[in-house]
Amino acid sequence: MTLKRFRIIQLFVVIVLAGSVGWATVRQIYFVPIMATALAVILLFYLRSMVKEVIADERDHEIGGKAARLAITMFCWIVIIVMFAFLAFRGYGPYFETIAVALGYAVCLLMVLYTVFFRYYNQVAFLEKKFVYILVGALLILFLIIAGLRLLSGEDSWLCQNGQWIKHGSPSAPMPSAECQK
C-alpha cells in the first residue's frame, strides 16, 4: 500500500469515527464510541503495517517529542489555573469542587505517566519493561478504584435515619417518596 492511499483511508476512518461518536453521544449510547475508537485504532495499525514507504523519520519523531512535551506542559498549567478557578467558585454550586478535584487528579495522572514513560525511554537501569507495565497497570487500577469509590460512594444521597430521610451532601435527586423504615 502506498503512503498516499494510507492517508486517504486514514482520513476516511477518522470521518466515519467522528460521525459515529457524534451519533452515539447524541443518542446516549456510550459503548459505541469506545468500540468504534478501538476498532479504528486496530484498523489503522494494521493498515500502517502494510505501508511500504517511510511514514516518519528521526527528525519527525524529534519534533513530535518537543511538541508533545510543550503541549503537556501548557495543558497542565491551563488545567491547574482552571482547577483553582473552579475551587474559587465552589460556594456557588456543589459541582465546582468535584470538577476541580477531577481536573487535579487528571493532571497528576498525566504527570506520573509522562515521568514513567520518559524514564522508560531514557533507559534508566532500574526500569525494565515488566516494571513499567506493572506500574502502569497498578496506576490504572488505582485510578479506577479511586474513581469508582468517588462516583459510587453515595456521598450525595438521601439516608434513612430514625424514620426520616436525611440529606447527605447535595443529592441531585428529590427526597424519596417511599416511607423511611429504620
N, C-alpha and C. Protein backbone atom coordinates (compact mmCIF):
# COMPACT_ATOMS: atom_id res chain seq x y z
N MET A 1 0.84 -1.17 0.00
CA MET A 1 0.00 0.00 0.00
C MET A 1 0.89 1.24 0.00
N THR A 2 0.50 2.24 -0.73
CA THR A 2 1.27 3.48 -0.79
C THR A 2 0.89 4.39 0.37
N LEU A 3 1.78 5.32 0.66
CA LEU A 3 1.54 6.27 1.74
C LEU A 3 0.33 7.15 1.42
N LYS A 4 0.18 7.53 0.15
CA LYS A 4 -0.96 8.38 -0.25
C LYS A 4 -2.28 7.65 -0.01
N ARG A 5 -2.35 6.40 -0.38
CA ARG A 5 -3.58 5.62 -0.18
C ARG A 5 -3.86 5.45 1.32
N PHE A 6 -2.81 5.22 2.11
CA PHE A 6 -2.99 5.10 3.55
C PHE A 6 -3.55 6.39 4.14
N ARG A 7 -3.04 7.53 3.72
CA ARG A 7 -3.53 8.83 4.23
C ARG A 7 -5.00 9.04 3.87
N ILE A 8 -5.40 8.64 2.67
CA ILE A 8 -6.80 8.79 2.26
C ILE A 8 -7.69 7.88 3.11
N ILE A 9 -7.27 6.64 3.31
CA ILE A 9 -8.06 5.71 4.14
C ILE A 9 -8.09 6.21 5.58
N GLN A 10 -6.98 6.73 6.06
CA GLN A 10 -6.90 7.25 7.42
C GLN A 10 -7.89 8.40 7.60
N LEU A 11 -7.96 9.30 6.64
CA LEU A 11 -8.90 10.41 6.70
C LEU A 11 -10.34 9.90 6.69
N PHE A 12 -10.64 8.93 5.86
CA PHE A 12 -11.98 8.34 5.79
C PHE A 12 -12.36 7.69 7.13
N VAL A 13 -11.42 6.95 7.73
CA VAL A 13 -11.67 6.29 9.01
C VAL A 13 -11.95 7.34 10.10
N VAL A 14 -11.19 8.42 10.09
CA VAL A 14 -11.40 9.47 11.09
C VAL A 14 -12.77 10.13 10.91
N ILE A 15 -13.19 10.37 9.67
CA ILE A 15 -14.50 10.97 9.42
C ILE A 15 -15.61 10.04 9.88
N VAL A 16 -15.50 8.76 9.56
CA VAL A 16 -16.51 7.79 9.99
C VAL A 16 -16.53 7.68 11.51
N LEU A 17 -15.35 7.67 12.14
CA LEU A 17 -15.26 7.60 13.59
C LEU A 17 -15.91 8.82 14.24
N ALA A 18 -15.62 10.00 13.73
CA ALA A 18 -16.21 11.22 14.29
C ALA A 18 -17.73 11.20 14.15
N GLY A 19 -18.22 10.76 13.01
CA GLY A 19 -19.67 10.68 12.81
C GLY A 19 -20.33 9.69 13.75
N SER A 20 -19.71 8.52 13.92
CA SER A 20 -20.30 7.51 14.80
C SER A 20 -20.25 7.94 16.26
N VAL A 21 -19.18 8.60 16.67
CA VAL A 21 -19.08 9.08 18.05
C VAL A 21 -20.12 10.17 18.29
N GLY A 22 -20.28 11.09 17.33
CA GLY A 22 -21.29 12.14 17.48
C GLY A 22 -22.69 11.56 17.54
N TRP A 23 -22.99 10.62 16.64
CA TRP A 23 -24.31 9.99 16.60
C TRP A 23 -24.60 9.27 17.92
N ALA A 24 -23.63 8.49 18.39
CA ALA A 24 -23.84 7.71 19.61
C ALA A 24 -23.94 8.61 20.84
N THR A 25 -23.19 9.68 20.86
CA THR A 25 -23.24 10.59 22.01
C THR A 25 -24.59 11.29 22.08
N VAL A 26 -25.11 11.71 20.95
CA VAL A 26 -26.43 12.35 20.93
C VAL A 26 -27.50 11.39 21.42
N ARG A 27 -27.38 10.14 21.07
CA ARG A 27 -28.37 9.13 21.48
C ARG A 27 -28.04 8.49 22.82
N GLN A 28 -26.97 8.95 23.46
CA GLN A 28 -26.53 8.49 24.77
C GLN A 28 -26.25 6.99 24.80
N ILE A 29 -25.61 6.50 23.75
CA ILE A 29 -25.16 5.11 23.68
C ILE A 29 -23.64 5.16 23.80
N TYR A 30 -23.14 5.08 25.01
CA TYR A 30 -21.73 5.38 25.24
C TYR A 30 -20.77 4.24 24.97
N PHE A 31 -21.24 3.04 24.79
CA PHE A 31 -20.32 1.95 24.48
C PHE A 31 -19.91 1.99 23.00
N VAL A 32 -20.73 2.59 22.14
CA VAL A 32 -20.42 2.66 20.71
C VAL A 32 -19.14 3.48 20.46
N PRO A 33 -18.95 4.67 21.07
CA PRO A 33 -17.69 5.39 20.83
C PRO A 33 -16.46 4.61 21.28
N ILE A 34 -16.59 3.88 22.37
CA ILE A 34 -15.45 3.10 22.86
C ILE A 34 -15.10 2.00 21.86
N MET A 35 -16.12 1.28 21.42
CA MET A 35 -15.89 0.19 20.46
C MET A 35 -15.42 0.74 19.11
N ALA A 36 -16.03 1.82 18.65
CA ALA A 36 -15.64 2.40 17.36
C ALA A 36 -14.20 2.89 17.39
N THR A 37 -13.80 3.53 18.48
CA THR A 37 -12.43 4.01 18.61
C THR A 37 -11.45 2.85 18.63
N ALA A 38 -11.77 1.81 19.38
CA ALA A 38 -10.89 0.64 19.43
C ALA A 38 -10.75 -0.01 18.05
N LEU A 39 -11.86 -0.16 17.35
CA LEU A 39 -11.80 -0.74 16.00
C LEU A 39 -11.00 0.14 15.04
N ALA A 40 -11.19 1.45 15.14
CA ALA A 40 -10.45 2.36 14.26
C ALA A 40 -8.95 2.28 14.52
N VAL A 41 -8.56 2.22 15.78
CA VAL A 41 -7.14 2.13 16.13
C VAL A 41 -6.54 0.82 15.60
N ILE A 42 -7.25 -0.28 15.80
CA ILE A 42 -6.76 -1.58 15.31
C ILE A 42 -6.63 -1.56 13.79
N LEU A 43 -7.66 -1.05 13.12
CA LEU A 43 -7.63 -0.99 11.66
C LEU A 43 -6.48 -0.12 11.15
N LEU A 44 -6.28 1.04 11.76
CA LEU A 44 -5.20 1.93 11.31
C LEU A 44 -3.82 1.34 11.59
N PHE A 45 -3.64 0.65 12.71
CA PHE A 45 -2.36 0.00 12.97
C PHE A 45 -2.10 -1.10 11.94
N TYR A 46 -3.13 -1.85 11.62
CA TYR A 46 -2.97 -2.91 10.62
C TYR A 46 -2.62 -2.31 9.26
N LEU A 47 -3.35 -1.30 8.85
CA LEU A 47 -3.08 -0.68 7.55
C LEU A 47 -1.72 -0.01 7.51
N ARG A 48 -1.30 0.56 8.64
CA ARG A 48 0.01 1.21 8.70
C ARG A 48 1.13 0.19 8.50
N SER A 49 0.91 -1.01 8.99
CA SER A 49 1.94 -2.05 8.83
C SER A 49 2.07 -2.49 7.38
N MET A 50 1.06 -2.22 6.57
CA MET A 50 1.10 -2.61 5.16
C MET A 50 1.76 -1.56 4.27
N VAL A 51 2.01 -0.36 4.80
CA VAL A 51 2.64 0.70 4.02
C VAL A 51 4.11 0.38 3.84
N LYS A 52 4.57 0.45 2.59
CA LYS A 52 5.96 0.11 2.28
C LYS A 52 6.89 1.32 2.31
N GLU A 53 6.33 2.51 2.27
CA GLU A 53 7.14 3.73 2.24
C GLU A 53 7.46 4.19 3.66
N VAL A 54 8.37 5.15 3.76
CA VAL A 54 8.73 5.74 5.05
C VAL A 54 7.61 6.69 5.47
N ILE A 55 7.06 6.45 6.64
CA ILE A 55 5.96 7.29 7.14
C ILE A 55 6.53 8.47 7.92
N ALA A 56 7.53 8.21 8.76
CA ALA A 56 8.15 9.27 9.55
C ALA A 56 9.62 8.92 9.76
N ASP A 57 10.45 9.97 9.86
CA ASP A 57 11.86 9.73 10.11
C ASP A 57 12.24 10.27 11.49
N GLU A 58 13.55 10.25 11.81
CA GLU A 58 14.02 10.66 13.12
C GLU A 58 13.70 12.12 13.42
N ARG A 59 13.80 12.97 12.41
CA ARG A 59 13.51 14.39 12.61
C ARG A 59 12.04 14.59 13.00
N ASP A 60 11.14 13.85 12.35
CA ASP A 60 9.72 13.94 12.69
C ASP A 60 9.48 13.53 14.14
N HIS A 61 10.15 12.46 14.56
CA HIS A 61 9.98 12.00 15.93
C HIS A 61 10.56 13.00 16.94
N GLU A 62 11.68 13.62 16.61
CA GLU A 62 12.27 14.62 17.50
C GLU A 62 11.36 15.83 17.63
N ILE A 63 10.84 16.31 16.52
CA ILE A 63 9.92 17.45 16.55
C ILE A 63 8.64 17.08 17.29
N GLY A 64 8.14 15.87 17.05
CA GLY A 64 6.94 15.40 17.75
C GLY A 64 7.15 15.33 19.25
N GLY A 65 8.34 14.89 19.67
CA GLY A 65 8.65 14.82 21.10
C GLY A 65 8.67 16.19 21.74
N LYS A 66 9.29 17.15 21.05
CA LYS A 66 9.32 18.53 21.57
C LYS A 66 7.92 19.12 21.64
N ALA A 67 7.14 18.90 20.59
CA ALA A 67 5.77 19.42 20.56
C ALA A 67 4.92 18.78 21.66
N ALA A 68 5.08 17.48 21.86
CA ALA A 68 4.31 16.78 22.90
C ALA A 68 4.68 17.29 24.29
N ARG A 69 5.97 17.50 24.53
CA ARG A 69 6.42 17.99 25.83
C ARG A 69 5.85 19.38 26.10
N LEU A 70 5.88 20.26 25.10
CA LEU A 70 5.33 21.60 25.26
C LEU A 70 3.81 21.55 25.43
N ALA A 71 3.13 20.68 24.69
CA ALA A 71 1.67 20.56 24.81
C ALA A 71 1.29 20.06 26.20
N ILE A 72 2.02 19.08 26.71
CA ILE A 72 1.74 18.56 28.05
C ILE A 72 1.96 19.65 29.10
N THR A 73 3.04 20.39 28.97
CA THR A 73 3.33 21.46 29.93
C THR A 73 2.23 22.52 29.89
N MET A 74 1.87 22.98 28.71
CA MET A 74 0.82 24.01 28.59
C MET A 74 -0.52 23.48 29.09
N PHE A 75 -0.86 22.24 28.76
CA PHE A 75 -2.11 21.65 29.22
C PHE A 75 -2.15 21.63 30.74
N CYS A 76 -1.06 21.19 31.37
CA CYS A 76 -1.04 21.12 32.83
C CYS A 76 -1.22 22.49 33.47
N TRP A 77 -0.54 23.50 32.95
CA TRP A 77 -0.68 24.85 33.51
C TRP A 77 -2.10 25.38 33.33
N ILE A 78 -2.66 25.19 32.15
CA ILE A 78 -4.03 25.67 31.91
C ILE A 78 -5.02 24.96 32.82
N VAL A 79 -4.89 23.64 32.94
CA VAL A 79 -5.83 22.88 33.78
C VAL A 79 -5.66 23.26 35.25
N ILE A 80 -4.45 23.51 35.70
CA ILE A 80 -4.24 23.92 37.10
C ILE A 80 -4.90 25.27 37.35
N ILE A 81 -4.77 26.20 36.42
CA ILE A 81 -5.43 27.51 36.58
C ILE A 81 -6.94 27.35 36.61
N VAL A 82 -7.48 26.53 35.70
CA VAL A 82 -8.93 26.29 35.67
C VAL A 82 -9.36 25.59 36.96
N MET A 83 -8.55 24.66 37.45
CA MET A 83 -8.88 23.96 38.69
C MET A 83 -9.02 24.94 39.85
N PHE A 84 -8.06 25.87 39.98
CA PHE A 84 -8.16 26.85 41.07
C PHE A 84 -9.34 27.80 40.87
N ALA A 85 -9.67 28.11 39.63
CA ALA A 85 -10.85 28.94 39.37
C ALA A 85 -12.12 28.22 39.83
N PHE A 86 -12.23 26.91 39.53
CA PHE A 86 -13.39 26.14 39.98
C PHE A 86 -13.43 26.04 41.51
N LEU A 87 -12.26 25.90 42.13
CA LEU A 87 -12.23 25.87 43.59
C LEU A 87 -12.69 27.21 44.18
N ALA A 88 -12.35 28.30 43.52
CA ALA A 88 -12.77 29.62 44.00
C ALA A 88 -14.29 29.78 43.94
N PHE A 89 -14.93 29.09 42.99
CA PHE A 89 -16.38 29.19 42.84
C PHE A 89 -17.15 28.04 43.49
N ARG A 90 -16.50 27.26 44.34
CA ARG A 90 -17.18 26.10 44.92
C ARG A 90 -18.35 26.48 45.81
N GLY A 91 -18.38 27.71 46.29
CA GLY A 91 -19.51 28.15 47.10
C GLY A 91 -20.78 28.37 46.28
N TYR A 92 -20.66 28.46 44.96
CA TYR A 92 -21.82 28.71 44.10
C TYR A 92 -22.55 27.43 43.66
N GLY A 93 -21.95 26.30 43.87
CA GLY A 93 -22.59 25.06 43.47
C GLY A 93 -21.74 23.87 43.89
N PRO A 94 -22.39 22.74 44.10
CA PRO A 94 -21.65 21.58 44.59
C PRO A 94 -20.73 20.93 43.56
N TYR A 95 -20.95 21.22 42.30
CA TYR A 95 -20.18 20.53 41.27
C TYR A 95 -18.86 21.21 40.94
N PHE A 96 -18.68 22.46 41.36
CA PHE A 96 -17.43 23.14 41.06
C PHE A 96 -16.25 22.44 41.73
N GLU A 97 -16.41 22.06 42.99
CA GLU A 97 -15.32 21.39 43.69
C GLU A 97 -15.05 20.00 43.10
N THR A 98 -16.11 19.29 42.72
CA THR A 98 -15.94 17.96 42.12
C THR A 98 -15.16 18.05 40.81
N ILE A 99 -15.50 19.03 39.99
CA ILE A 99 -14.78 19.22 38.72
C ILE A 99 -13.33 19.58 38.99
N ALA A 100 -13.10 20.46 39.98
CA ALA A 100 -11.73 20.87 40.30
C ALA A 100 -10.90 19.68 40.75
N VAL A 101 -11.46 18.83 41.60
CA VAL A 101 -10.73 17.66 42.08
C VAL A 101 -10.44 16.70 40.93
N ALA A 102 -11.43 16.49 40.05
CA ALA A 102 -11.21 15.61 38.90
C ALA A 102 -10.10 16.16 38.00
N LEU A 103 -10.09 17.46 37.77
CA LEU A 103 -9.03 18.07 36.95
C LEU A 103 -7.66 17.90 37.63
N GLY A 104 -7.62 18.08 38.94
CA GLY A 104 -6.36 17.91 39.66
C GLY A 104 -5.82 16.49 39.55
N TYR A 105 -6.71 15.49 39.72
CA TYR A 105 -6.28 14.10 39.58
C TYR A 105 -5.83 13.80 38.14
N ALA A 106 -6.52 14.38 37.17
CA ALA A 106 -6.14 14.14 35.77
C ALA A 106 -4.75 14.68 35.49
N VAL A 107 -4.44 15.87 35.99
CA VAL A 107 -3.10 16.44 35.78
C VAL A 107 -2.05 15.61 36.49
N CYS A 108 -2.34 15.17 37.70
CA CYS A 108 -1.38 14.33 38.43
C CYS A 108 -1.11 13.02 37.67
N LEU A 109 -2.18 12.38 37.19
CA LEU A 109 -2.01 11.15 36.43
C LEU A 109 -1.19 11.39 35.16
N LEU A 110 -1.46 12.49 34.47
CA LEU A 110 -0.70 12.81 33.25
C LEU A 110 0.77 13.00 33.57
N MET A 111 1.09 13.71 34.65
CA MET A 111 2.49 13.95 35.00
C MET A 111 3.18 12.65 35.42
N VAL A 112 2.48 11.78 36.16
CA VAL A 112 3.07 10.50 36.56
C VAL A 112 3.35 9.64 35.33
N LEU A 113 2.37 9.55 34.43
CA LEU A 113 2.58 8.77 33.20
C LEU A 113 3.72 9.33 32.37
N TYR A 114 3.79 10.64 32.25
CA TYR A 114 4.88 11.27 31.49
C TYR A 114 6.23 10.91 32.11
N THR A 115 6.32 10.98 33.43
CA THR A 115 7.58 10.67 34.11
C THR A 115 7.97 9.21 33.90
N VAL A 116 7.01 8.30 34.04
CA VAL A 116 7.30 6.88 33.87
C VAL A 116 7.78 6.60 32.44
N PHE A 117 7.06 7.11 31.46
CA PHE A 117 7.45 6.85 30.08
C PHE A 117 8.75 7.56 29.71
N PHE A 118 9.00 8.74 30.25
CA PHE A 118 10.26 9.43 29.98
C PHE A 118 11.42 8.60 30.51
N ARG A 119 11.28 8.10 31.73
CA ARG A 119 12.35 7.29 32.31
C ARG A 119 12.52 5.98 31.53
N TYR A 120 11.41 5.43 31.08
CA TYR A 120 11.48 4.18 30.31
C TYR A 120 12.26 4.40 29.01
N TYR A 121 11.91 5.45 28.28
CA TYR A 121 12.58 5.70 27.02
C TYR A 121 13.98 6.27 27.20
N ASN A 122 14.26 6.80 28.37
CA ASN A 122 15.59 7.27 28.67
C ASN A 122 16.48 6.12 29.11
N GLN A 123 15.91 4.94 29.23
CA GLN A 123 16.59 3.70 29.56
C GLN A 123 17.33 3.76 30.89
N VAL A 124 16.63 4.23 31.92
CA VAL A 124 17.18 4.20 33.27
C VAL A 124 17.28 2.73 33.68
N ALA A 125 18.38 2.36 34.33
CA ALA A 125 18.69 0.95 34.59
C ALA A 125 17.64 0.25 35.44
N PHE A 126 17.06 0.92 36.44
CA PHE A 126 16.15 0.20 37.33
C PHE A 126 14.75 0.04 36.76
N LEU A 127 14.49 0.62 35.61
CA LEU A 127 13.18 0.44 34.99
C LEU A 127 13.28 -0.55 33.84
N GLU A 128 12.73 -1.72 34.03
CA GLU A 128 12.66 -2.70 32.96
C GLU A 128 11.26 -2.68 32.37
N LYS A 129 11.08 -3.33 31.24
CA LYS A 129 9.77 -3.35 30.58
C LYS A 129 8.69 -3.89 31.50
N LYS A 130 8.95 -4.99 32.16
CA LYS A 130 7.96 -5.60 33.03
C LYS A 130 7.56 -4.64 34.14
N PHE A 131 8.56 -3.94 34.70
CA PHE A 131 8.28 -3.00 35.78
C PHE A 131 7.37 -1.87 35.30
N VAL A 132 7.63 -1.36 34.11
CA VAL A 132 6.81 -0.28 33.56
C VAL A 132 5.39 -0.76 33.35
N TYR A 133 5.22 -1.94 32.77
CA TYR A 133 3.88 -2.47 32.54
C TYR A 133 3.14 -2.68 33.86
N ILE A 134 3.84 -3.21 34.85
CA ILE A 134 3.22 -3.43 36.16
C ILE A 134 2.85 -2.10 36.80
N LEU A 135 3.75 -1.12 36.71
CA LEU A 135 3.49 0.19 37.31
C LEU A 135 2.31 0.89 36.63
N VAL A 136 2.28 0.87 35.30
CA VAL A 136 1.18 1.50 34.58
C VAL A 136 -0.13 0.77 34.89
N GLY A 137 -0.10 -0.55 34.94
CA GLY A 137 -1.29 -1.32 35.28
C GLY A 137 -1.77 -1.01 36.70
N ALA A 138 -0.83 -0.94 37.63
CA ALA A 138 -1.19 -0.62 39.02
C ALA A 138 -1.77 0.78 39.13
N LEU A 139 -1.17 1.75 38.43
CA LEU A 139 -1.71 3.11 38.44
C LEU A 139 -3.10 3.17 37.83
N LEU A 140 -3.32 2.43 36.76
CA LEU A 140 -4.64 2.39 36.14
C LEU A 140 -5.66 1.77 37.08
N ILE A 141 -5.30 0.68 37.72
CA ILE A 141 -6.22 0.03 38.67
C ILE A 141 -6.50 0.96 39.85
N LEU A 142 -5.47 1.63 40.37
CA LEU A 142 -5.65 2.57 41.47
C LEU A 142 -6.56 3.72 41.07
N PHE A 143 -6.36 4.24 39.86
CA PHE A 143 -7.20 5.32 39.36
C PHE A 143 -8.66 4.87 39.24
N LEU A 144 -8.87 3.66 38.72
CA LEU A 144 -10.23 3.14 38.59
C LEU A 144 -10.88 2.91 39.95
N ILE A 145 -10.11 2.43 40.92
CA ILE A 145 -10.65 2.22 42.26
C ILE A 145 -11.03 3.56 42.89
N ILE A 146 -10.16 4.55 42.79
CA ILE A 146 -10.45 5.86 43.37
C ILE A 146 -11.66 6.49 42.68
N ALA A 147 -11.70 6.41 41.35
CA ALA A 147 -12.84 6.97 40.62
C ALA A 147 -14.12 6.23 40.98
N GLY A 148 -14.06 4.91 41.10
CA GLY A 148 -15.24 4.14 41.47
C GLY A 148 -15.73 4.48 42.86
N LEU A 149 -14.81 4.60 43.81
CA LEU A 149 -15.21 4.97 45.17
C LEU A 149 -15.80 6.37 45.21
N ARG A 150 -15.19 7.26 44.45
CA ARG A 150 -15.68 8.64 44.44
C ARG A 150 -17.06 8.74 43.80
N LEU A 151 -17.26 8.04 42.69
CA LEU A 151 -18.51 8.14 41.97
C LEU A 151 -19.61 7.27 42.56
N LEU A 152 -19.26 6.15 43.16
CA LEU A 152 -20.26 5.20 43.63
C LEU A 152 -20.40 5.18 45.16
N SER A 153 -19.79 6.14 45.84
CA SER A 153 -19.80 6.10 47.30
C SER A 153 -21.13 6.54 47.90
N GLY A 154 -22.01 7.12 47.12
CA GLY A 154 -23.27 7.58 47.68
C GLY A 154 -23.10 8.79 48.56
N GLU A 155 -22.09 9.58 48.27
CA GLU A 155 -21.81 10.75 49.08
C GLU A 155 -22.94 11.78 49.00
N ASP A 156 -23.52 11.93 47.84
CA ASP A 156 -24.63 12.85 47.65
C ASP A 156 -25.91 12.04 47.49
N SER A 157 -26.53 11.73 48.61
CA SER A 157 -27.72 10.88 48.57
C SER A 157 -28.61 11.19 49.77
N TRP A 158 -29.72 10.46 49.83
CA TRP A 158 -30.65 10.56 50.95
C TRP A 158 -30.46 9.34 51.84
N LEU A 159 -30.29 9.56 53.15
CA LEU A 159 -30.11 8.48 54.10
C LEU A 159 -31.33 8.34 55.00
N CYS A 160 -31.68 7.12 55.30
CA CYS A 160 -32.81 6.85 56.18
C CYS A 160 -32.29 6.70 57.60
N GLN A 161 -32.66 7.65 58.49
CA GLN A 161 -32.23 7.58 59.88
C GLN A 161 -33.40 7.93 60.79
N ASN A 162 -33.67 7.06 61.72
CA ASN A 162 -34.74 7.25 62.72
C ASN A 162 -36.09 7.55 62.07
N GLY A 163 -36.38 6.88 60.97
CA GLY A 163 -37.67 7.04 60.32
C GLY A 163 -37.81 8.30 59.48
N GLN A 164 -36.71 9.02 59.24
CA GLN A 164 -36.77 10.25 58.44
C GLN A 164 -35.66 10.23 57.39
N TRP A 165 -35.95 10.86 56.26
CA TRP A 165 -34.94 10.98 55.21
C TRP A 165 -34.06 12.17 55.53
N ILE A 166 -32.76 11.93 55.60
CA ILE A 166 -31.77 12.97 55.92
C ILE A 166 -30.93 13.22 54.68
N LYS A 167 -30.76 14.50 54.36
CA LYS A 167 -29.95 14.89 53.20
C LYS A 167 -28.47 14.69 53.54
N HIS A 168 -27.75 13.95 52.68
CA HIS A 168 -26.31 13.71 52.87
C HIS A 168 -25.59 14.28 51.66
N GLY A 169 -24.86 15.36 51.86
CA GLY A 169 -24.20 16.03 50.73
C GLY A 169 -25.20 16.88 49.98
N SER A 170 -25.10 16.87 48.66
CA SER A 170 -26.00 17.63 47.79
C SER A 170 -26.60 16.68 46.76
N PRO A 171 -27.60 15.88 47.16
CA PRO A 171 -28.17 14.93 46.20
C PRO A 171 -28.89 15.63 45.07
N SER A 172 -28.73 15.10 43.86
CA SER A 172 -29.40 15.68 42.70
C SER A 172 -30.83 15.21 42.60
N ALA A 173 -31.15 14.07 43.21
CA ALA A 173 -32.50 13.52 43.16
C ALA A 173 -33.34 14.12 44.29
N PRO A 174 -34.64 14.25 44.08
CA PRO A 174 -35.50 14.74 45.16
C PRO A 174 -35.61 13.70 46.26
N MET A 175 -36.13 14.14 47.42
CA MET A 175 -36.28 13.23 48.54
C MET A 175 -37.17 12.06 48.14
N PRO A 176 -36.78 10.83 48.49
CA PRO A 176 -37.59 9.67 48.11
C PRO A 176 -39.00 9.76 48.67
N SER A 177 -39.96 9.31 47.89
CA SER A 177 -41.36 9.35 48.32
C SER A 177 -41.73 8.12 49.15
N ALA A 178 -40.90 7.09 49.10
CA ALA A 178 -41.15 5.88 49.88
C ALA A 178 -40.94 6.16 51.36
N GLU A 179 -41.64 5.44 52.19
CA GLU A 179 -41.53 5.63 53.63
C GLU A 179 -40.18 5.12 54.13
N CYS A 180 -39.56 5.88 54.99
CA CYS A 180 -38.27 5.51 55.57
C CYS A 180 -38.53 4.57 56.74
N GLN A 181 -37.95 3.36 56.72
CA GLN A 181 -38.24 2.36 57.74
C GLN A 181 -37.00 1.91 58.47
N LYS A 182 -36.38 2.78 59.19
CA LYS A 182 -35.20 2.41 60.01
C LYS A 182 -35.27 3.10 61.33
